[in-house]
């Protein structure tokens, strides 16, 4: 019976080549578009869902409307985070981030030849994002001024296999050199999505 279906399909395909090619091409394009849309939606719904309580984490967007354009970004005035936490009881924690490029300084010489991206964050950042730590305590890692947490790959790169907690690093940026004490090392789960 199945053989008869294939025989009839082959005869129809040979008899109506134009219509058959259009139907097959339309089916192939439809399936391809469906798979692309499905993959895009699956990615958007799973974005950073490895954080605990990721369904309760929100990012504030700043809309600036000019006469010729509408600018949308995550860059907000510094007062937004504490104001939102104070004015809205639903907000349990709020954290501010500031990204910049730095050069790592060793003993009187640069130890990184190129700029590395770092983020300055408040201690509430680690209360919002459940980042797995290899060394140090995530609950207290950013409480002290000039405390720094680094990734395991950065720890390996600049400190080798040893534990860098309580060691100091010097960072140079457009505001000068600043010394930081490493208070934790986190697993390489964070990529450049921030």
N, C-alpha and C. Protein backbone atom coordinates (compact mmCIF):
# COMPACT_ATOMS: atom_id res chain seq x y z
N UNK A 1 0.82 -1.20 0.00
CA UNK A 1 0.00 0.00 0.00
C UNK A 1 0.86 1.26 0.00
N UNK A 2 1.90 1.24 0.85
CA UNK A 2 2.79 2.39 0.91
C UNK A 2 3.53 2.58 -0.41
N UNK A 3 3.87 1.47 -1.05
CA UNK A 3 4.54 1.53 -2.34
C UNK A 3 3.66 2.22 -3.37
N UNK A 4 2.34 1.97 -3.33
CA UNK A 4 1.40 2.62 -4.26
C UNK A 4 1.36 4.13 -4.05
N UNK A 5 1.40 4.56 -2.80
CA UNK A 5 1.40 6.00 -2.52
C UNK A 5 2.63 6.68 -3.13
N UNK A 6 3.80 6.05 -2.95
CA UNK A 6 5.03 6.61 -3.53
C UNK A 6 4.97 6.62 -5.06
N UNK A 7 4.40 5.58 -5.64
CA UNK A 7 4.29 5.52 -7.10
C UNK A 7 3.39 6.63 -7.62
N UNK A 8 2.24 6.84 -6.96
CA UNK A 8 1.32 7.90 -7.37
C UNK A 8 1.96 9.27 -7.18
N UNK A 9 2.68 9.46 -6.07
CA UNK A 9 3.34 10.74 -5.81
C UNK A 9 4.41 11.02 -6.87
N UNK A 10 5.17 9.99 -7.26
CA UNK A 10 6.20 10.16 -8.27
C UNK A 10 5.59 10.49 -9.63
N UNK A 11 4.49 9.83 -9.98
CA UNK A 11 3.82 10.12 -11.25
C UNK A 11 3.30 11.56 -11.28
N UNK A 12 2.68 11.99 -10.18
CA UNK A 12 2.17 13.37 -10.12
C UNK A 12 3.31 14.38 -10.18
N UNK A 13 4.43 14.06 -9.51
CA UNK A 13 5.58 14.95 -9.55
C UNK A 13 6.12 15.09 -10.98
N UNK A 14 6.22 13.97 -11.70
CA UNK A 14 6.73 14.02 -13.08
C UNK A 14 5.75 14.70 -14.03
N UNK A 15 4.45 14.55 -13.78
CA UNK A 15 3.45 15.14 -14.65
C UNK A 15 3.32 16.64 -14.41
N UNK A 16 3.37 17.06 -13.15
CA UNK A 16 3.19 18.47 -12.80
C UNK A 16 4.46 18.99 -12.12
N UNK A 17 5.55 19.06 -12.87
CA UNK A 17 6.86 19.42 -12.31
C UNK A 17 6.86 20.83 -11.71
N UNK A 18 6.30 21.78 -12.41
CA UNK A 18 6.29 23.17 -11.92
C UNK A 18 5.55 23.30 -10.60
N UNK A 19 4.32 22.78 -10.55
CA UNK A 19 3.54 22.86 -9.30
C UNK A 19 4.23 22.11 -8.17
N UNK A 20 4.80 20.95 -8.48
CA UNK A 20 5.46 20.15 -7.44
C UNK A 20 6.66 20.88 -6.87
N UNK A 21 7.48 21.51 -7.73
CA UNK A 21 8.65 22.25 -7.25
C UNK A 21 8.23 23.44 -6.39
N UNK A 22 7.17 24.13 -6.80
CA UNK A 22 6.69 25.27 -6.01
C UNK A 22 6.20 24.79 -4.65
N UNK A 23 5.46 23.69 -4.61
CA UNK A 23 4.95 23.16 -3.33
C UNK A 23 6.08 22.70 -2.42
N UNK A 24 7.06 21.99 -2.99
CA UNK A 24 8.17 21.50 -2.18
C UNK A 24 9.02 22.67 -1.68
N UNK A 25 9.29 23.65 -2.55
CA UNK A 25 10.06 24.82 -2.13
C UNK A 25 9.32 25.59 -1.04
N UNK A 26 8.01 25.77 -1.19
CA UNK A 26 7.23 26.47 -0.17
C UNK A 26 7.25 25.74 1.16
N UNK A 27 7.15 24.41 1.12
CA UNK A 27 7.20 23.61 2.34
C UNK A 27 8.57 23.73 3.00
N UNK A 28 9.63 23.64 2.21
CA UNK A 28 10.99 23.75 2.77
C UNK A 28 11.23 25.12 3.39
N UNK A 29 10.80 26.18 2.71
CA UNK A 29 10.98 27.54 3.25
C UNK A 29 10.15 27.71 4.52
N UNK A 30 8.92 27.21 4.52
CA UNK A 30 8.06 27.31 5.70
C UNK A 30 8.65 26.61 6.91
N UNK A 31 9.17 25.40 6.70
CA UNK A 31 9.79 24.66 7.81
C UNK A 31 11.04 25.38 8.29
N UNK A 32 11.85 25.90 7.37
CA UNK A 32 13.08 26.62 7.75
C UNK A 32 12.76 27.87 8.57
N UNK A 33 11.78 28.64 8.13
CA UNK A 33 11.40 29.86 8.86
C UNK A 33 10.86 29.50 10.24
N UNK A 34 10.05 28.45 10.32
CA UNK A 34 9.53 28.00 11.62
C UNK A 34 10.67 27.65 12.56
N UNK A 35 11.66 26.89 12.08
CA UNK A 35 12.77 26.49 12.93
C UNK A 35 13.60 27.69 13.38
N UNK A 36 13.81 28.67 12.49
CA UNK A 36 14.55 29.87 12.88
C UNK A 36 13.79 30.68 13.94
N UNK A 37 12.50 30.86 13.74
CA UNK A 37 11.69 31.59 14.72
C UNK A 37 11.66 30.85 16.05
N UNK A 38 11.50 29.53 15.99
CA UNK A 38 11.48 28.71 17.21
C UNK A 38 12.79 28.85 17.98
N UNK A 39 13.91 28.80 17.28
CA UNK A 39 15.21 28.93 17.93
C UNK A 39 15.39 30.31 18.54
N UNK A 40 14.96 31.36 17.85
CA UNK A 40 15.06 32.72 18.37
C UNK A 40 14.22 32.89 19.64
N UNK A 41 12.98 32.41 19.60
CA UNK A 41 12.10 32.53 20.76
C UNK A 41 12.64 31.72 21.94
N UNK A 42 13.13 30.50 21.68
CA UNK A 42 13.69 29.67 22.75
C UNK A 42 14.89 30.36 23.39
N UNK A 43 15.74 31.01 22.58
CA UNK A 43 16.89 31.73 23.13
C UNK A 43 16.44 32.90 23.99
N UNK A 44 15.49 33.68 23.49
CA UNK A 44 15.02 34.85 24.25
C UNK A 44 14.37 34.44 25.57
N UNK A 45 13.66 33.33 25.57
CA UNK A 45 13.00 32.90 26.81
C UNK A 45 13.97 32.27 27.80
N UNK A 46 15.11 31.80 27.32
CA UNK A 46 16.07 31.15 28.22
C UNK A 46 17.25 32.05 28.56
N UNK A 47 17.22 33.30 28.14
CA UNK A 47 18.35 34.21 28.33
C UNK A 47 18.63 34.38 29.81
N UNK A 48 19.81 33.98 30.23
CA UNK A 48 20.28 34.11 31.61
C UNK A 48 19.32 33.49 32.62
N UNK A 49 18.67 32.40 32.25
CA UNK A 49 17.78 31.75 33.19
C UNK A 49 18.52 30.85 34.17
N UNK A 50 19.86 30.84 34.12
CA UNK A 50 20.63 30.05 35.08
C UNK A 50 20.72 30.74 36.43
N UNK A 51 20.29 32.02 36.50
CA UNK A 51 20.26 32.69 37.79
C UNK A 51 19.05 32.22 38.59
N UNK A 52 19.27 32.08 39.89
CA UNK A 52 18.16 31.75 40.77
C UNK A 52 17.19 32.94 40.77
N UNK A 53 15.92 32.69 40.70
CA UNK A 53 14.87 33.72 40.65
C UNK A 53 15.02 34.63 39.44
N UNK A 54 15.46 34.08 38.32
CA UNK A 54 15.65 34.90 37.11
C UNK A 54 14.33 35.50 36.61
N UNK A 55 13.22 34.89 36.97
CA UNK A 55 11.91 35.43 36.56
C UNK A 55 11.56 36.70 37.32
N UNK A 56 12.31 37.02 38.37
CA UNK A 56 12.03 38.22 39.16
C UNK A 56 13.11 39.29 38.99
N UNK A 57 14.02 39.11 38.05
CA UNK A 57 15.09 40.08 37.82
C UNK A 57 14.72 40.93 36.61
N UNK A 58 14.78 42.24 36.78
CA UNK A 58 14.42 43.17 35.72
C UNK A 58 15.54 44.17 35.51
N UNK A 59 15.59 44.66 34.31
CA UNK A 59 16.57 45.69 33.94
C UNK A 59 15.79 46.95 33.58
N UNK A 60 16.18 48.07 34.13
CA UNK A 60 15.51 49.33 33.83
C UNK A 60 16.06 49.88 32.52
N UNK A 61 15.13 50.28 31.67
CA UNK A 61 15.52 50.86 30.39
C UNK A 61 15.22 52.35 30.40
N UNK A 62 16.14 53.12 29.89
CA UNK A 62 16.00 54.56 29.83
C UNK A 62 15.64 54.95 28.40
N UNK A 63 14.48 55.55 28.21
CA UNK A 63 14.06 56.04 26.89
C UNK A 63 14.30 57.54 26.82
N UNK A 64 15.08 57.95 25.84
CA UNK A 64 15.32 59.37 25.61
C UNK A 64 14.77 59.70 24.23
N UNK A 65 13.82 60.60 24.20
CA UNK A 65 13.16 60.94 22.95
C UNK A 65 13.63 62.32 22.52
N UNK A 66 14.28 62.35 21.35
CA UNK A 66 14.76 63.60 20.77
C UNK A 66 13.89 63.93 19.56
N UNK A 67 14.11 65.06 18.97
CA UNK A 67 13.30 65.46 17.82
C UNK A 67 13.54 64.54 16.61
N UNK A 68 14.76 63.98 16.50
CA UNK A 68 15.07 63.16 15.32
C UNK A 68 15.26 61.68 15.61
N UNK A 69 15.29 61.28 16.90
CA UNK A 69 15.46 59.86 17.20
C UNK A 69 14.92 59.50 18.57
N UNK A 70 14.75 58.20 18.77
CA UNK A 70 14.29 57.65 20.05
C UNK A 70 15.39 56.71 20.55
N UNK A 71 16.11 57.11 21.59
CA UNK A 71 17.24 56.35 22.11
C UNK A 71 16.78 55.49 23.28
N UNK A 72 17.04 54.18 23.20
CA UNK A 72 16.70 53.25 24.28
C UNK A 72 17.98 52.60 24.77
N UNK A 73 18.26 52.71 26.08
CA UNK A 73 19.47 52.10 26.62
C UNK A 73 19.27 51.77 28.09
N UNK A 74 20.21 51.00 28.63
CA UNK A 74 20.18 50.67 30.05
C UNK A 74 20.91 51.72 30.88
N UNK A 75 21.50 52.70 30.23
CA UNK A 75 22.20 53.75 30.95
C UNK A 75 21.21 54.71 31.60
N UNK A 76 21.20 54.73 32.93
CA UNK A 76 20.27 55.57 33.68
C UNK A 76 21.04 56.46 34.64
N UNK A 77 20.44 57.54 35.09
CA UNK A 77 21.10 58.36 36.12
C UNK A 77 21.34 57.53 37.38
N UNK A 78 22.42 57.80 38.12
CA UNK A 78 22.76 56.99 39.29
C UNK A 78 21.68 56.95 40.37
N UNK A 79 20.84 57.95 40.45
CA UNK A 79 19.83 58.00 41.51
C UNK A 79 18.65 57.07 41.26
N UNK A 80 18.55 56.48 40.08
CA UNK A 80 17.38 55.65 39.76
C UNK A 80 17.29 54.43 40.67
N UNK A 81 18.37 53.68 40.85
CA UNK A 81 18.33 52.44 41.63
C UNK A 81 17.88 52.67 43.08
N UNK A 82 18.52 53.59 43.84
CA UNK A 82 18.04 53.79 45.21
C UNK A 82 16.63 54.36 45.28
N UNK A 83 16.27 55.18 44.31
CA UNK A 83 14.92 55.77 44.30
C UNK A 83 13.87 54.69 44.04
N UNK A 84 14.13 53.82 43.10
CA UNK A 84 13.18 52.74 42.79
C UNK A 84 13.01 51.84 44.00
N UNK A 85 14.10 51.51 44.66
CA UNK A 85 14.02 50.64 45.85
C UNK A 85 13.26 51.32 46.98
N UNK A 86 13.45 52.62 47.11
CA UNK A 86 12.77 53.37 48.18
C UNK A 86 11.29 53.57 47.89
N UNK A 87 10.95 53.89 46.64
CA UNK A 87 9.58 54.26 46.29
C UNK A 87 8.66 53.07 46.00
N UNK A 88 9.21 51.92 45.63
CA UNK A 88 8.40 50.77 45.28
C UNK A 88 8.69 49.62 46.23
N UNK A 89 7.75 49.27 47.11
CA UNK A 89 8.00 48.20 48.08
C UNK A 89 8.19 46.82 47.42
N UNK A 90 7.75 46.68 46.17
CA UNK A 90 7.91 45.40 45.47
C UNK A 90 9.37 45.12 45.14
N UNK A 91 10.17 46.17 45.06
CA UNK A 91 11.58 46.03 44.70
C UNK A 91 12.36 45.64 45.96
N UNK A 92 12.90 44.43 45.96
CA UNK A 92 13.64 43.94 47.12
C UNK A 92 15.09 44.42 47.12
N UNK A 93 15.71 44.43 45.96
CA UNK A 93 17.09 44.88 45.82
C UNK A 93 17.25 45.64 44.51
N UNK A 94 18.19 46.55 44.48
CA UNK A 94 18.52 47.28 43.25
C UNK A 94 20.03 47.45 43.22
N UNK A 95 20.60 47.29 42.05
CA UNK A 95 22.06 47.42 41.93
C UNK A 95 22.40 48.23 40.70
N UNK A 96 23.47 48.99 40.81
CA UNK A 96 23.97 49.78 39.69
C UNK A 96 25.28 49.18 39.21
N UNK A 97 25.48 49.23 37.90
CA UNK A 97 26.72 48.76 37.28
C UNK A 97 27.30 49.89 36.45
N UNK A 98 28.62 49.92 36.41
CA UNK A 98 29.30 50.86 35.54
C UNK A 98 30.44 50.12 34.87
N UNK A 99 30.38 50.01 33.56
CA UNK A 99 31.41 49.30 32.81
C UNK A 99 32.46 50.24 32.28
N UNK A 100 33.71 49.80 32.31
CA UNK A 100 34.81 50.59 31.78
C UNK A 100 35.94 49.65 31.34
N UNK A 101 36.87 50.18 30.60
CA UNK A 101 38.03 49.42 30.17
C UNK A 101 39.22 49.79 31.05
N UNK A 102 40.00 48.79 31.46
CA UNK A 102 41.15 49.04 32.33
C UNK A 102 42.35 48.25 31.82
N UNK A 103 43.50 48.62 32.32
CA UNK A 103 44.73 47.87 32.11
C UNK A 103 45.20 47.39 33.47
N UNK A 104 45.61 46.13 33.57
CA UNK A 104 46.11 45.59 34.83
C UNK A 104 47.57 45.96 34.98
N UNK A 105 47.93 46.44 36.18
CA UNK A 105 49.29 46.87 36.47
C UNK A 105 49.90 45.89 37.46
N UNK A 106 51.08 45.37 37.15
CA UNK A 106 51.83 44.52 38.08
C UNK A 106 52.76 45.39 38.89
N UNK A 107 53.84 44.83 39.37
CA UNK A 107 54.80 45.60 40.16
C UNK A 107 55.52 46.57 39.24
N UNK A 108 55.01 47.79 39.19
CA UNK A 108 55.59 48.90 38.43
C UNK A 108 55.59 48.69 36.91
N UNK A 109 54.80 47.76 36.39
CA UNK A 109 54.71 47.61 34.94
C UNK A 109 53.34 47.04 34.57
N UNK A 110 52.93 47.32 33.35
CA UNK A 110 51.66 46.82 32.86
C UNK A 110 51.79 45.32 32.63
N UNK A 111 50.82 44.54 33.13
CA UNK A 111 50.86 43.11 32.90
C UNK A 111 49.82 42.66 31.89
N UNK A 112 48.97 43.57 31.46
CA UNK A 112 48.08 43.24 30.35
C UNK A 112 48.36 44.23 29.24
N UNK A 113 48.55 43.71 28.07
CA UNK A 113 48.92 44.55 26.93
C UNK A 113 47.73 45.28 26.32
N UNK A 114 46.54 44.83 26.65
CA UNK A 114 45.35 45.43 26.06
C UNK A 114 44.33 45.72 27.16
N UNK A 115 43.34 46.49 26.80
CA UNK A 115 42.31 46.85 27.78
C UNK A 115 41.39 45.68 28.06
N UNK A 116 41.01 45.53 29.31
CA UNK A 116 40.05 44.51 29.72
C UNK A 116 38.80 45.22 30.22
N UNK A 117 37.65 44.60 30.00
CA UNK A 117 36.39 45.18 30.44
C UNK A 117 36.13 44.78 31.89
N UNK A 118 35.87 45.76 32.74
CA UNK A 118 35.49 45.50 34.13
C UNK A 118 34.21 46.27 34.43
N UNK A 119 33.52 45.82 35.45
CA UNK A 119 32.29 46.48 35.88
C UNK A 119 32.41 46.81 37.36
N UNK A 120 32.07 48.03 37.69
CA UNK A 120 31.96 48.45 39.08
C UNK A 120 30.53 48.17 39.50
N UNK A 121 30.36 47.54 40.66
CA UNK A 121 29.01 47.15 41.10
C UNK A 121 28.87 47.37 42.60
N UNK A 122 27.63 47.49 43.02
CA UNK A 122 27.32 47.59 44.44
C UNK A 122 27.22 46.19 45.03
N UNK A 123 27.30 46.10 46.37
CA UNK A 123 27.23 44.78 47.00
C UNK A 123 25.88 44.11 46.79
N UNK A 124 24.83 44.87 46.50
CA UNK A 124 23.52 44.27 46.26
C UNK A 124 23.49 43.48 44.95
N UNK A 125 24.47 43.68 44.08
CA UNK A 125 24.54 42.94 42.82
C UNK A 125 24.59 41.44 43.08
N UNK A 126 25.37 41.02 44.07
CA UNK A 126 25.51 39.60 44.37
C UNK A 126 24.30 39.05 45.14
N UNK A 127 23.45 39.93 45.65
CA UNK A 127 22.20 39.47 46.26
C UNK A 127 21.15 39.21 45.18
N UNK A 128 21.28 39.88 44.06
CA UNK A 128 20.33 39.73 42.95
C UNK A 128 20.72 38.55 42.07
N UNK A 129 21.99 38.49 41.70
CA UNK A 129 22.47 37.47 40.78
C UNK A 129 23.20 36.37 41.54
N UNK A 130 22.74 35.15 41.40
CA UNK A 130 23.35 34.01 42.08
C UNK A 130 24.53 33.52 41.25
N UNK A 131 25.69 34.08 41.53
CA UNK A 131 26.91 33.74 40.80
C UNK A 131 27.67 32.70 41.61
N UNK A 132 28.00 31.56 40.99
CA UNK A 132 28.72 30.51 41.73
C UNK A 132 30.18 30.90 41.99
N UNK A 133 30.56 30.90 43.26
CA UNK A 133 31.91 31.27 43.67
C UNK A 133 32.78 30.04 43.84
N UNK A 134 34.04 30.15 43.44
CA UNK A 134 35.03 29.11 43.69
C UNK A 134 35.83 29.42 44.95
N UNK A 135 36.13 30.69 45.17
CA UNK A 135 36.86 31.15 46.35
C UNK A 135 36.19 32.41 46.86
N UNK A 136 36.20 32.59 48.17
CA UNK A 136 35.59 33.76 48.76
C UNK A 136 34.13 33.52 49.13
N UNK A 137 33.52 34.52 49.73
CA UNK A 137 32.15 34.43 50.20
C UNK A 137 31.29 35.40 49.40
N UNK A 138 30.32 34.88 48.66
CA UNK A 138 29.48 35.72 47.80
C UNK A 138 28.64 36.71 48.61
N UNK A 139 28.31 36.38 49.84
CA UNK A 139 27.46 37.26 50.65
C UNK A 139 28.19 38.51 51.12
N UNK A 140 29.50 38.42 51.26
CA UNK A 140 30.25 39.57 51.79
C UNK A 140 31.32 40.07 50.82
N UNK A 141 31.38 39.53 49.62
CA UNK A 141 32.49 39.81 48.70
C UNK A 141 32.61 41.28 48.31
N UNK A 142 31.50 41.98 48.17
CA UNK A 142 31.57 43.37 47.72
C UNK A 142 31.19 44.39 48.80
N UNK A 143 31.21 43.98 50.06
CA UNK A 143 30.83 44.89 51.13
C UNK A 143 31.90 45.94 51.41
N UNK A 144 33.16 45.57 51.34
CA UNK A 144 34.25 46.50 51.64
C UNK A 144 34.53 47.41 50.45
N UNK A 145 34.95 48.65 50.70
CA UNK A 145 35.36 49.51 49.59
C UNK A 145 36.59 48.93 48.89
N UNK A 146 36.70 49.13 47.62
CA UNK A 146 37.81 48.66 46.80
C UNK A 146 37.99 47.15 46.85
N UNK A 147 36.87 46.43 46.98
CA UNK A 147 36.89 44.97 46.88
C UNK A 147 36.62 44.60 45.43
N UNK A 148 37.19 43.50 44.98
CA UNK A 148 37.02 43.06 43.59
C UNK A 148 36.78 41.56 43.56
N UNK A 149 35.91 41.13 42.65
CA UNK A 149 35.77 39.71 42.36
C UNK A 149 36.19 39.50 40.91
N UNK A 150 36.83 38.37 40.65
CA UNK A 150 37.32 38.11 39.31
C UNK A 150 36.87 36.72 38.87
N UNK A 151 36.89 36.50 37.56
CA UNK A 151 36.50 35.19 37.02
C UNK A 151 37.65 34.21 37.20
N UNK A 152 37.31 32.92 37.10
CA UNK A 152 38.36 31.91 37.26
C UNK A 152 39.39 31.99 36.13
N UNK A 153 38.96 32.36 34.92
CA UNK A 153 39.94 32.49 33.83
C UNK A 153 40.87 33.68 34.06
N UNK A 154 40.35 34.78 34.62
CA UNK A 154 41.21 35.92 34.93
C UNK A 154 42.14 35.59 36.09
N UNK A 155 41.65 34.82 37.05
CA UNK A 155 42.48 34.38 38.17
C UNK A 155 43.64 33.53 37.66
N UNK A 156 43.33 32.62 36.75
CA UNK A 156 44.35 31.75 36.15
C UNK A 156 45.37 32.58 35.37
N UNK A 157 44.86 33.56 34.62
CA UNK A 157 45.72 34.38 33.76
C UNK A 157 46.71 35.22 34.56
N UNK A 158 46.24 35.85 35.64
CA UNK A 158 47.09 36.80 36.36
C UNK A 158 47.72 36.24 37.64
N UNK A 159 47.14 35.15 38.20
CA UNK A 159 47.65 34.64 39.47
C UNK A 159 48.04 33.16 39.42
N UNK A 160 47.87 32.51 38.27
CA UNK A 160 48.22 31.10 38.16
C UNK A 160 47.21 30.22 38.88
N UNK A 161 47.68 29.10 39.43
CA UNK A 161 46.78 28.13 40.06
C UNK A 161 46.46 28.44 41.51
N UNK A 162 47.11 29.40 42.11
CA UNK A 162 46.89 29.71 43.52
C UNK A 162 45.59 30.45 43.77
N UNK A 163 45.24 30.57 45.03
CA UNK A 163 44.03 31.29 45.44
C UNK A 163 44.36 32.78 45.54
N UNK A 164 43.77 33.64 44.72
CA UNK A 164 44.12 35.07 44.73
C UNK A 164 43.37 35.89 45.78
N UNK A 165 42.48 35.26 46.56
CA UNK A 165 41.71 36.02 47.55
C UNK A 165 42.66 36.68 48.54
N UNK A 166 42.40 37.94 48.83
CA UNK A 166 43.17 38.82 49.71
C UNK A 166 44.45 39.36 49.05
N UNK A 167 44.69 39.02 47.79
CA UNK A 167 45.81 39.62 47.07
C UNK A 167 45.32 40.93 46.46
N UNK A 168 46.25 41.80 46.12
CA UNK A 168 45.87 43.10 45.59
C UNK A 168 46.22 43.20 44.11
N UNK A 169 45.39 43.93 43.39
CA UNK A 169 45.64 44.23 41.99
C UNK A 169 45.50 45.73 41.79
N UNK A 170 46.20 46.24 40.81
CA UNK A 170 46.11 47.65 40.48
C UNK A 170 45.53 47.77 39.08
N UNK A 171 44.51 48.60 38.95
CA UNK A 171 43.87 48.82 37.66
C UNK A 171 44.11 50.26 37.25
N UNK A 172 44.37 50.44 35.96
CA UNK A 172 44.58 51.78 35.42
C UNK A 172 43.47 52.05 34.41
N UNK A 173 42.78 53.17 34.59
CA UNK A 173 41.78 53.59 33.61
C UNK A 173 41.92 55.09 33.39
N UNK A 174 40.92 55.70 32.78
CA UNK A 174 41.03 57.12 32.46
C UNK A 174 41.07 58.01 33.69
N UNK A 175 40.74 57.46 34.87
CA UNK A 175 40.76 58.25 36.11
C UNK A 175 42.03 58.04 36.92
N UNK A 176 42.96 57.22 36.42
CA UNK A 176 44.21 56.97 37.13
C UNK A 176 44.34 55.52 37.58
N UNK A 177 45.30 55.29 38.50
CA UNK A 177 45.54 53.95 39.04
C UNK A 177 44.80 53.78 40.36
N UNK A 178 44.20 52.61 40.55
CA UNK A 178 43.51 52.32 41.80
C UNK A 178 43.82 50.90 42.21
N UNK A 179 44.03 50.70 43.51
CA UNK A 179 44.37 49.38 44.03
C UNK A 179 43.11 48.73 44.61
N UNK A 180 42.92 47.44 44.29
CA UNK A 180 41.76 46.69 44.74
C UNK A 180 42.23 45.39 45.40
N UNK A 181 41.46 44.95 46.39
CA UNK A 181 41.74 43.69 47.08
C UNK A 181 40.76 42.65 46.57
N UNK A 182 41.26 41.52 46.11
CA UNK A 182 40.40 40.47 45.57
C UNK A 182 39.70 39.76 46.72
N UNK A 183 38.38 39.73 46.65
CA UNK A 183 37.59 39.12 47.71
C UNK A 183 36.86 37.86 47.25
N UNK A 184 36.96 37.52 45.96
CA UNK A 184 36.30 36.32 45.49
C UNK A 184 36.64 35.99 44.06
N UNK A 185 36.48 34.70 43.73
CA UNK A 185 36.67 34.21 42.37
C UNK A 185 35.41 33.46 41.99
N UNK A 186 34.80 33.85 40.86
CA UNK A 186 33.58 33.18 40.43
C UNK A 186 33.85 32.32 39.20
N UNK A 187 32.98 31.33 39.01
CA UNK A 187 33.11 30.43 37.87
C UNK A 187 32.87 31.19 36.58
N UNK A 188 33.45 30.71 35.51
CA UNK A 188 33.31 31.36 34.20
C UNK A 188 31.93 31.12 33.59
N UNK A 189 30.89 31.56 34.27
CA UNK A 189 29.54 31.45 33.72
C UNK A 189 29.12 32.76 33.08
N UNK A 190 29.68 33.85 33.56
CA UNK A 190 29.33 35.15 33.02
C UNK A 190 30.11 35.41 31.77
N UNK A 191 29.44 35.72 30.70
CA UNK A 191 30.09 36.07 29.45
C UNK A 191 29.88 37.57 29.24
N UNK A 192 30.13 38.03 28.05
CA UNK A 192 30.03 39.46 27.79
C UNK A 192 28.61 39.86 27.42
N UNK A 193 27.64 39.45 28.22
CA UNK A 193 26.24 39.81 27.94
C UNK A 193 25.82 41.07 28.67
N UNK A 194 26.62 41.53 29.58
CA UNK A 194 26.19 42.70 30.36
C UNK A 194 26.33 43.95 29.56
